[in-house]
Structure formats: C-alpha cells, structure tokens
Protein backbone atom coordinates (compact mmCIF):
# COMPACT_ATOMS: atom_id res chain seq x y z
CA MET A 1 21.27 31.76 -38.08
CA ARG A 2 18.41 31.07 -40.49
CA ASP A 3 16.67 27.72 -40.36
CA PHE A 4 16.16 25.51 -43.40
CA ASN A 5 14.42 22.24 -44.11
CA PRO A 6 16.83 19.32 -43.62
CA ALA A 7 14.86 17.12 -46.01
CA GLY A 8 15.01 19.65 -48.87
CA ILE A 9 16.88 22.95 -48.53
CA ASP A 10 14.69 26.05 -48.61
CA ALA A 11 16.96 28.26 -50.72
CA ASN A 12 14.96 31.41 -50.08
CA LYS A 13 15.96 31.27 -46.40
CA THR A 14 19.58 30.31 -46.98
CA ARG A 15 22.41 32.87 -47.17
CA VAL A 16 25.66 32.09 -48.94
CA LEU A 17 28.85 34.19 -48.66
CA VAL A 18 30.88 34.09 -51.90
CA VAL A 19 34.52 35.10 -51.40
CA ASP A 20 36.72 35.67 -54.50
CA ASP A 21 39.01 38.52 -55.57
CA ASN A 22 38.29 37.76 -59.26
CA ASP A 23 35.20 39.81 -60.08
CA SER A 24 34.29 37.66 -63.10
CA LEU A 25 34.52 34.34 -61.24
CA ARG A 26 32.78 35.76 -58.17
CA TYR A 27 29.94 37.05 -60.34
CA THR A 28 29.58 33.68 -62.08
CA ILE A 29 29.37 31.77 -58.80
CA ALA A 30 27.05 34.33 -57.18
CA ARG A 31 24.78 34.34 -60.25
CA ALA A 32 24.58 30.53 -60.31
CA LEU A 33 23.59 30.45 -56.63
CA ARG A 34 21.08 33.30 -56.93
CA ASP A 35 19.45 31.49 -59.84
CA VAL A 36 18.87 28.51 -57.51
CA GLY A 37 17.25 30.90 -55.02
CA TYR A 38 19.96 31.47 -52.40
CA ASP A 39 20.48 34.85 -50.73
CA VAL A 40 24.05 35.68 -51.76
CA ILE A 41 26.45 38.19 -50.18
CA GLU A 42 29.95 38.80 -51.52
CA ALA A 43 33.50 39.57 -50.34
CA ARG A 44 36.63 40.39 -52.37
CA SER A 45 39.31 39.56 -49.77
CA GLY A 46 40.02 37.47 -46.73
CA ASN A 47 39.61 40.34 -44.28
CA GLU A 48 36.33 41.39 -45.89
CA ALA A 49 35.16 37.79 -45.64
CA LEU A 50 35.99 37.71 -41.92
CA ALA A 51 34.02 40.93 -41.48
CA ARG A 52 30.95 39.70 -43.39
CA VAL A 53 30.78 36.52 -41.36
CA SER A 54 28.93 38.62 -38.78
CA GLU A 55 25.97 38.54 -41.20
CA GLU A 56 25.60 34.84 -40.34
CA PRO A 57 25.94 33.07 -43.67
CA ASP A 58 24.75 29.46 -43.82
CA LEU A 59 27.62 28.50 -46.18
CA ILE A 60 30.81 30.08 -47.56
CA THR A 61 32.42 29.54 -50.96
CA LEU A 62 36.05 30.50 -50.45
CA ASP A 63 38.68 31.08 -53.12
CA VAL A 64 42.07 29.66 -52.17
CA ASN A 65 44.13 32.42 -53.80
CA LEU A 66 43.17 35.72 -52.12
CA PRO A 67 45.26 38.91 -52.15
CA ASP A 68 45.64 39.48 -48.40
CA LYS A 69 45.25 36.05 -46.78
CA SER A 70 45.07 32.66 -48.40
CA GLY A 71 41.75 30.84 -48.45
CA ILE A 72 43.32 28.03 -46.45
CA GLU A 73 44.33 30.49 -43.72
CA ILE A 74 40.87 32.06 -43.68
CA CYS A 75 39.32 28.59 -43.50
CA GLY A 76 41.50 27.71 -40.52
CA LEU A 77 40.54 30.90 -38.68
CA LEU A 78 36.86 30.26 -39.22
CA LYS A 79 37.01 26.60 -38.17
CA ARG A 80 38.95 27.37 -35.01
CA ASN A 81 36.41 30.00 -33.93
CA PRO A 82 33.54 28.31 -32.00
CA ALA A 83 31.14 30.97 -33.31
CA THR A 84 31.83 30.10 -36.97
CA ALA A 85 33.15 26.52 -36.83
CA HIS A 86 29.74 25.12 -37.80
CA ILE A 87 29.58 27.02 -41.15
CA PRO A 88 30.27 24.69 -44.13
CA ILE A 89 33.13 25.96 -46.32
CA LEU A 90 33.43 25.09 -50.02
CA GLN A 91 36.89 25.96 -51.28
CA LEU A 92 37.27 26.91 -54.93
CA SER A 93 40.44 27.39 -56.93
CA ALA A 94 41.40 27.92 -60.56
CA SER A 95 45.14 27.75 -59.76
CA PHE A 96 45.49 24.93 -57.22
CA VAL A 97 43.81 22.10 -59.03
CA ASP A 98 46.12 19.16 -58.31
CA SER A 99 45.26 16.43 -55.81
CA GLN A 100 47.81 17.65 -53.25
CA SER A 101 46.15 21.09 -53.24
CA ARG A 102 42.77 19.45 -52.68
CA VAL A 103 44.18 17.40 -49.80
CA ARG A 104 45.79 20.49 -48.26
CA GLY A 105 42.52 22.41 -48.53
CA LEU A 106 40.47 19.62 -46.93
CA GLN A 107 43.05 19.14 -44.21
CA GLY A 108 42.87 22.89 -43.55
CA GLY A 109 39.23 22.50 -42.55
CA ALA A 110 37.31 22.82 -45.82
CA ASP A 111 34.19 20.67 -46.12
CA ALA A 112 34.52 20.32 -49.89
CA TYR A 113 36.91 21.39 -52.65
CA LEU A 114 36.08 22.20 -56.30
CA THR A 115 38.28 23.48 -59.10
CA GLU A 116 37.30 26.31 -61.45
CA PRO A 117 35.69 26.66 -63.82
CA VAL A 118 32.90 24.98 -61.88
CA ASP A 119 29.91 23.37 -63.55
CA ARG A 120 26.76 25.21 -62.39
CA ALA A 121 24.85 22.01 -61.67
CA GLU A 122 27.79 20.53 -59.76
CA LEU A 123 28.15 23.74 -57.77
CA ALA A 124 24.46 23.78 -56.84
CA ALA A 125 24.49 20.08 -55.95
CA THR A 126 27.62 20.43 -53.81
CA VAL A 127 26.22 23.45 -51.96
CA ALA A 128 22.92 21.63 -51.35
CA ALA A 129 24.78 18.54 -50.09
CA LEU A 130 26.88 20.62 -47.69
CA LEU A 131 23.74 22.38 -46.40
CA ARG A 132 22.01 19.03 -45.87
CA ILE A 133 25.02 17.81 -43.89
CA LYS A 134 24.94 21.01 -41.87
CA SER A 135 21.23 20.56 -41.25
CA ALA A 136 21.75 16.99 -40.09
CA GLU A 137 24.58 18.08 -37.79
CA ARG A 138 22.44 20.85 -36.36
CA LEU A 139 19.57 18.44 -35.81
CA ALA A 140 21.94 15.96 -34.16
CA ARG A 141 23.32 18.70 -31.88
CA GLN A 142 19.79 19.77 -31.00
CA GLN A 143 18.76 16.20 -30.25
CA ALA A 144 21.93 15.68 -28.21
CA LYS A 145 21.19 18.87 -26.29
CA GLU A 146 17.61 17.82 -25.69
CA ALA A 147 18.78 14.35 -24.63
CA GLU A 148 21.28 15.90 -22.23
CA GLU A 149 18.61 18.21 -20.82
CA ALA A 150 16.23 15.27 -20.50
CA GLN A 151 18.95 13.26 -18.78
CA GLN A 152 19.62 16.13 -16.40
CA GLN A 153 15.89 16.44 -15.69
CA LEU A 154 15.67 12.70 -15.14
CA ALA A 155 18.68 12.83 -12.82
CA GLU A 156 17.04 15.70 -10.92
CA LEU A 157 13.78 13.77 -10.72
CA ASN A 158 15.70 10.73 -9.46
CA ARG A 159 17.42 12.84 -6.83
CA THR A 160 14.09 14.37 -5.84
CA LEU A 161 12.49 10.94 -5.73
CA GLU A 162 15.38 9.50 -3.71
CA ASN A 163 15.12 12.41 -1.28
CA ARG A 164 11.37 11.93 -0.95
CA VAL A 165 11.80 8.18 -0.50
CA ALA A 166 14.47 8.83 2.12
CA GLU A 167 12.22 11.34 3.88
CA ARG A 168 9.23 9.00 3.75
CA THR A 169 11.43 6.14 4.96
CA VAL A 170 12.53 8.23 7.94
CA GLU A 171 8.90 9.20 8.58
CA LEU A 172 7.78 5.59 8.27
CA GLU A 173 10.53 4.37 10.58
CA SER A 174 9.57 7.06 13.08
CA ALA A 175 5.89 6.11 12.78
CA ASN A 176 6.77 2.44 13.22
CA ARG A 177 8.86 3.24 16.30
CA ASN A 178 6.00 5.27 17.71
CA LEU A 179 3.55 2.49 16.87
CA ARG A 180 5.77 -0.12 18.50
CA GLU A 181 6.17 2.08 21.55
CA LEU A 182 2.42 2.63 21.69
CA SER A 183 1.80 -1.10 21.31
CA ARG A 184 4.35 -1.84 24.04
CA ARG A 185 2.67 0.65 26.35
CA LEU A 186 -0.80 -0.73 25.57
CA LEU A 187 0.33 -4.28 26.31
CA ALA A 188 2.03 -3.11 29.50
CA MET A 189 -1.13 -1.24 30.51
CA GLN A 190 -3.17 -4.34 29.69
CA ASP A 191 -0.91 -6.50 31.85
CA ASP A 192 -1.02 -3.93 34.66
CA GLU A 193 -4.82 -3.81 34.39
CA HIS A 194 -5.00 -7.59 34.53
CA ARG A 195 -2.80 -7.53 37.61
CA ARG A 196 -4.94 -4.83 39.22
CA ILE A 197 -8.22 -6.61 38.49
CA SER A 198 -6.74 -9.88 39.71
CA ARG A 199 -5.68 -8.23 42.97
CA GLU A 200 -9.07 -6.56 43.42
CA LEU A 201 -10.88 -9.84 42.77
CA HIS A 202 -8.67 -11.57 45.30
CA ASP A 203 -8.44 -8.85 47.93
CA GLY A 204 -11.86 -7.24 47.46
CA VAL A 205 -14.49 -9.59 46.11
CA GLY A 206 -12.60 -12.60 47.44
CA GLN A 207 -12.54 -11.20 50.96
CA LEU A 208 -16.23 -10.33 50.85
CA LEU A 209 -17.05 -13.83 49.65
CA ALA A 210 -14.89 -15.24 52.44
CA ALA A 211 -16.80 -13.15 54.97
CA LEU A 212 -20.06 -14.31 53.41
CA SER A 213 -18.90 -17.90 53.68
CA ILE A 214 -18.07 -17.42 57.37
CA ASN A 215 -21.47 -15.88 58.02
CA THR A 216 -23.12 -18.74 56.18
CA SER A 217 -21.19 -21.21 58.35
CA LEU A 218 -22.35 -19.40 61.50
CA ILE A 219 -25.92 -19.54 60.32
CA SER A 220 -25.52 -23.23 59.50
CA MET A 221 -24.70 -23.85 63.14
CA GLU A 222 -28.30 -22.88 63.94
CA ALA A 223 -29.84 -24.59 60.93
CA ASP A 224 -32.06 -26.69 63.23
CA LYS A 225 -34.04 -23.55 64.02
CA LEU A 226 -34.90 -23.08 60.33
CA SER A 227 -37.67 -24.65 58.36
CA ASP A 228 -36.89 -27.38 55.87
CA ARG A 229 -37.00 -24.89 53.01
CA GLY A 230 -34.78 -22.49 54.94
CA ARG A 231 -32.21 -25.19 55.60
CA GLU A 232 -32.20 -26.18 51.90
CA ALA A 233 -31.76 -22.54 50.86
CA LEU A 234 -28.91 -22.12 53.35
CA LEU A 235 -27.12 -25.21 52.09
CA GLY A 236 -27.67 -24.02 48.51
CA ASN A 237 -26.20 -20.62 49.34
CA ALA A 238 -23.18 -22.22 50.98
CA SER A 239 -22.62 -24.37 47.89
CA MET A 240 -22.97 -21.38 45.54
CA VAL A 241 -20.62 -19.27 47.65
CA ASP A 242 -17.99 -22.00 47.49
CA GLU A 243 -18.44 -22.24 43.72
CA ILE A 244 -18.18 -18.47 43.33
CA VAL A 245 -15.04 -18.42 45.46
CA ARG A 246 -13.45 -21.09 43.27
CA ASN A 247 -14.46 -19.22 40.08
CA ILE A 248 -13.19 -15.91 41.40
CA ARG A 249 -9.90 -17.51 42.38
CA THR A 250 -9.57 -19.09 38.93
CA MET A 251 -10.41 -15.80 37.18
CA SER A 252 -7.94 -13.95 39.35
CA HIS A 253 -5.18 -16.43 38.61
CA LEU A 254 -5.91 -16.42 34.89
CA LEU A 255 -5.77 -12.64 34.75
CA HIS A 256 -2.40 -12.61 36.50
CA PRO A 257 -1.30 -15.73 38.37
CA PRO A 258 0.59 -14.90 41.58
CA LEU A 259 2.96 -17.76 40.74
CA LEU A 260 4.24 -15.74 37.79
CA ASP A 261 5.67 -13.10 40.12
CA GLU A 262 6.56 -15.45 42.97
CA ALA A 263 8.05 -18.51 41.25
CA GLY A 264 8.55 -17.64 37.58
CA VAL A 265 7.07 -18.57 34.24
CA ALA A 266 7.85 -22.31 34.38
CA THR A 267 5.85 -22.82 37.60
CA ALA A 268 3.04 -20.49 36.45
CA LEU A 269 2.73 -22.36 33.14
CA ALA A 270 2.67 -25.75 34.90
CA TRP A 271 -0.25 -24.55 37.05
CA TYR A 272 -2.08 -22.92 34.12
CA ILE A 273 -1.68 -25.93 31.80
CA ASP A 274 -2.99 -28.25 34.52
CA GLU A 275 -6.03 -26.01 35.09
CA PHE A 276 -6.56 -25.65 31.32
CA GLY A 277 -6.60 -29.43 30.92
CA LYS A 278 -9.18 -29.83 33.67
CA ARG A 279 -11.46 -27.14 32.24
CA SER A 280 -11.14 -28.03 28.53
CA GLY A 281 -10.77 -31.81 28.60
CA ILE A 282 -7.70 -31.48 26.36
CA THR A 283 -4.66 -33.47 27.44
CA VAL A 284 -1.73 -31.05 27.45
CA THR A 285 1.86 -32.24 27.88
CA PHE A 286 4.21 -29.62 29.32
CA GLN A 287 7.97 -29.96 28.95
CA CYS A 288 10.30 -27.38 30.43
CA ASP A 289 14.10 -27.19 30.42
CA GLN A 290 15.40 -27.84 33.92
CA ASN A 291 18.19 -25.29 33.32
CA LEU A 292 15.65 -22.55 32.81
CA GLY A 293 15.59 -20.19 35.76
CA ARG A 294 13.93 -16.81 36.23
CA LEU A 295 13.65 -14.60 33.19
CA GLY A 296 12.92 -10.92 32.95
CA SER A 297 9.43 -9.83 34.00
CA GLU A 298 8.47 -8.66 30.48
CA MET A 299 9.65 -11.93 28.91
CA GLU A 300 7.90 -14.09 31.51
CA ILE A 301 4.62 -12.24 31.01
CA ALA A 302 5.00 -12.51 27.20
CA LEU A 303 5.64 -16.27 27.34
CA PHE A 304 2.71 -16.85 29.68
CA ARG A 305 0.30 -14.79 27.53
CA ILE A 306 1.45 -16.49 24.33
CA VAL A 307 0.82 -19.94 25.81
CA GLN A 308 -2.57 -18.72 27.06
CA GLU A 309 -3.56 -17.47 23.61
CA SER A 310 -2.15 -20.50 21.81
CA LEU A 311 -4.00 -23.02 23.97
CA GLY A 312 -7.13 -20.91 23.69
CA ASN A 313 -6.85 -21.23 19.88
CA VAL A 314 -6.37 -24.97 20.24
CA LEU A 315 -9.60 -25.17 22.23
CA ARG A 316 -11.60 -22.86 19.91
CA HIS A 317 -10.38 -23.93 16.45
CA SER A 318 -8.25 -27.09 16.27
CA GLN A 319 -10.69 -29.83 17.35
CA SER A 320 -7.61 -31.51 18.84
CA HIS A 321 -7.81 -33.66 21.96
CA THR A 322 -4.12 -33.22 22.78
CA ALA A 323 -1.57 -30.42 22.87
CA PHE A 324 2.14 -30.12 23.61
CA VAL A 325 4.00 -27.16 25.15
CA ASP A 326 7.78 -27.07 25.23
CA LEU A 327 9.84 -24.30 26.86
CA ALA A 328 13.60 -24.61 26.47
CA TRP A 329 16.83 -22.71 26.90
CA LEU A 330 18.94 -22.83 23.69
CA GLY A 331 22.27 -21.11 24.16
CA GLU A 332 21.50 -17.42 23.80
CA LYS A 333 17.81 -17.91 23.04
CA ILE A 334 14.61 -19.05 24.71
CA SER A 335 12.50 -21.44 22.63
CA LEU A 336 8.75 -21.92 23.02
CA ARG A 337 6.72 -24.42 20.98
CA VAL A 338 2.98 -25.06 21.18
CA ARG A 339 1.70 -27.92 19.03
CA ASP A 340 -1.66 -29.65 18.54
CA GLN A 341 -2.95 -32.56 16.45
CA GLY A 342 -6.04 -30.86 15.10
CA ILE A 343 -7.46 -30.01 11.69
CA GLY A 344 -4.91 -27.27 10.96
CA ILE A 345 -5.38 -23.80 9.52
CA PRO A 346 -7.03 -23.53 6.06
CA SER A 347 -4.54 -22.70 3.28
CA ASP A 348 -6.23 -19.42 2.36
CA ARG A 349 -6.14 -18.34 5.99
CA GLN A 350 -2.45 -19.30 6.20
CA HIS A 351 -1.76 -17.07 3.18
CA GLU A 352 -3.55 -14.18 4.89
CA LEU A 353 -1.51 -14.74 8.04
CA ARG A 354 1.77 -14.73 6.07
CA GLN A 355 0.75 -11.58 4.19
CA GLY A 356 -0.44 -9.93 7.38
CA SER A 357 -3.66 -8.89 5.60
CA ARG A 358 -5.93 -10.46 8.24
CA THR A 359 -4.82 -11.37 11.70
CA GLY A 360 -6.94 -11.80 14.79
CA VAL A 361 -6.43 -9.73 17.89
CA GLY A 362 -4.84 -12.67 19.71
CA LEU A 363 -2.27 -13.45 17.03
CA ARG A 364 -1.51 -9.77 16.53
CA GLY A 365 -0.87 -9.43 20.26
CA MET A 366 1.44 -12.45 20.17
CA ARG A 367 3.40 -10.95 17.25
CA GLU A 368 3.67 -7.61 19.04
CA ARG A 369 5.02 -9.20 22.21
CA VAL A 370 7.56 -11.26 20.25
CA SER A 371 8.57 -8.25 18.13
CA GLN A 372 9.12 -6.04 21.19
CA LEU A 373 11.46 -8.65 22.62
CA GLY A 374 13.38 -8.88 19.33
CA GLY A 375 12.28 -12.44 18.63
CA ASP A 376 10.80 -14.48 15.78
CA LEU A 377 7.41 -16.15 15.49
CA GLU A 378 6.61 -18.89 12.98
CA ILE A 379 3.38 -20.78 12.33
CA ASP A 380 3.48 -24.17 10.61
CA SER A 381 0.13 -25.80 9.89
CA SER A 382 -1.16 -28.81 7.98
CA PRO A 383 -4.27 -31.01 8.08
CA THR A 384 -2.56 -33.04 10.83
CA GLY A 385 -1.97 -30.16 13.22
CA THR A 386 -0.50 -26.74 13.90
CA GLU A 387 2.73 -25.69 15.59
CA ILE A 388 3.69 -22.23 16.81
CA ARG A 389 7.44 -21.70 17.23
CA ILE A 390 8.95 -18.74 19.02
CA LEU A 391 12.59 -17.80 19.56
CA LEU A 392 13.43 -14.95 21.93
CA PRO A 393 16.93 -13.56 22.49
CA CYS A 394 18.02 -13.93 26.07
CA PRO A 395 21.38 -12.21 26.63
CA ASN A 396 21.38 -13.14 30.33
CA SER A 397 20.67 -16.81 29.65
CA GLY A 398 24.16 -17.81 30.76
CA ALA A 399 23.62 -16.22 34.14
CA ILE A 400 20.16 -17.75 34.32
CA ARG A 401 21.56 -21.19 33.77
CA ASP A 402 24.24 -20.70 36.41
CA ASP A 403 21.57 -19.63 38.91
CA ALA A 404 19.42 -22.61 38.00
CA VAL A 405 22.28 -25.08 38.39
CA ALA A 406 23.38 -23.47 41.64
C-alpha cells in the first residue's frame, strides 16, 4: 500500500478505485479525482471491483446500484476481509438518495455516503478527509504496534534483569555462605592457635622457667660462697624468673584460660575480670545469672572473647574508671552486656559503625562470632558511656538451667 502524508495528502502517490456501471458518471468522478492528482483505476461491476482490489487502492468510490452485486454487498465483503477492511469506502448513489438509504449504506460499512450528481469540490474534500482519517488510523496502528513491541522488549528486559538479579543473588548468597564459613574457620583456627600457644607456654616455656627457678634456688643455698656482686645478681635473677613465670602464666591464661574448658565461661570470666581490674586499675563489676550452667564450647569461647575485646576497648578508648559486665539467661536466649561510663563513641564514628563502612578488627571479629551463632549485636553510645548488648539463641538453655539447679 502506498504511503501518503497524513498532514496533507500527496495525491500523486494515492490510488483511488472508482466503481460505477454508468460510464458517464464513472468518467465524471474519475476525471474530477484525476484533476486533483490522484491515480485512478476503474471498475464497471462488483466482481470487477473485487478483482481490482488486488491493485491495492488507497480509497474506493462505490456505486450502490451495480448490475451483479449491490454496492452495499460489495462494501460488506470488503470490510469483513482483514486484507481490505482498512480501505476507506465512499458510497455514491443517484437512485438511493433518501436518509434511510444513507443510513443503510453507512451501517453496511461505508465510511461516507454522497448522492449524485456530486459537486466536484465536495467530492475532492470528502475523499481527502477519508484519506486523512485513514492516515491517522494507520499512524495509530503503527504507534500501537511500536508500543506493543516496546512493551514486549521491556518485559523481556525485565525478565532478563530479574533472571540476572536472581542469579547474582544466588551467587552473592553462596559467596556470603563461603565467606561466613571461611570466617568461622579462621576464628576456630585462631582459637585453636591460642590454645596451642597457651599450652606450649605453660608446658614448654613454663616448665623450663620452673627448672630454672629450681636451679636458682639450689644455687641460692650456696650463696655464701659467692661475692657480694654475685649474690646480688643471683637474687636479681631469682626475682626476674619469678616475674617471668607470673607473666608467662598470665599470657597463657589470657590466650586460652584453662578455666574456660574446666569450669565454663562464668568462672573463666570471673577470673579474667578480676585480673583485668588489677592490671588496668578499672573497677569492673561482674554479674552472672546463677541459673547459667555450661554452654556449648563455641558459645563459651565467643562470650569470653567478646568480653575480652569489649574491656580492651574500655581501657584503650573510653577513659572510664568503671565497667559493668552482665551475663544472663533469658528464656531461650543468652544475654551479655558490657557497659562503661566513659566519653562514648563520636557520632561520626557511630554512623560508620552502623553503615559498616569502617569497623576495627576487634569489632568485626565480635560481629562475626555473634553472626555465626545466629545472634544480634547492638552498640549504644553517648557522651556518658557506651553499652554493648548481645543476644545469642540458646536452644538447650532449658536443659542448662535444669543442670544448674540440680
């Protein structure tokens, strides 16, 4: 089908089929349209008109009173055929000029209806109007088609994006699982290494220092045979050996206190907090639920390390002279709180901690331990102090309490 300008019809590219069995009337109509510039083809009957439709006319003028088939019948055939339904049809009649005939023609599918004789200007204007309507309809169909194609493309893009998001989500979840597993293994290896070093300090270096202390004691028994400087050096060595033994023992216990394995986290924390207070000069109050018995090894190590790190932060950053540690059993959860009365965490640093943009190694390790145990960690800080709150699920807490009470 030839294209034409929807704003102003290009007659030279527009073909009109004129159908009329009256040679004189058909000539008049064809001449009027050719004078405007349309490419006109003609047909003398309904069947000939149906045949010439294959030449793809842009508009058809159709006489109502044809010898073989009526114009209304031809119009109906054309409008019911999807291949020709879009062609505008202007019905013309010199016989059926009453209003009922016009209504019947329009109801039969005609796009316009004129009675003969037709004024040339009216004919040209009517044809141009019908072609403009056709152009607008074609443009609307094209835009609707393009919109549908765009919508289909958008839907396909959305499906592709959803699939990619789903794939990346699966990849991210897998990477997070791997990262959590790696972090868990690193923390476990760290704890095992602490335990190993603690044992080597105690069993290796500790035993050598003990032997050295014994030898020093034996030598001291013959100190009267030494010079004054020798005796002073011997006494100094004995004092240094005792100090080294105490330091080694403290280091060993800090790395992995034997009480943690032997008596549980409550006893280990009581010892550690007492030692921390002596070394730091900070008064630490420790409160522990009496119903709290032994917990799982991983949870006990996590709680001990978290208290270690928290009190270390109190000493390094808070400028507080006091601290409070509370360990409690709450139904199905274990609660740990560490609070100080120091200067608090600066607001910009708190924002970074909440966003996770900057976290120290200690705090990151605390979060990892809590996350691996399925718990929650909160930090609340103000210029009057900081509190760290931790809740850990403890599905066996009922049994723990029964054991503790028993």
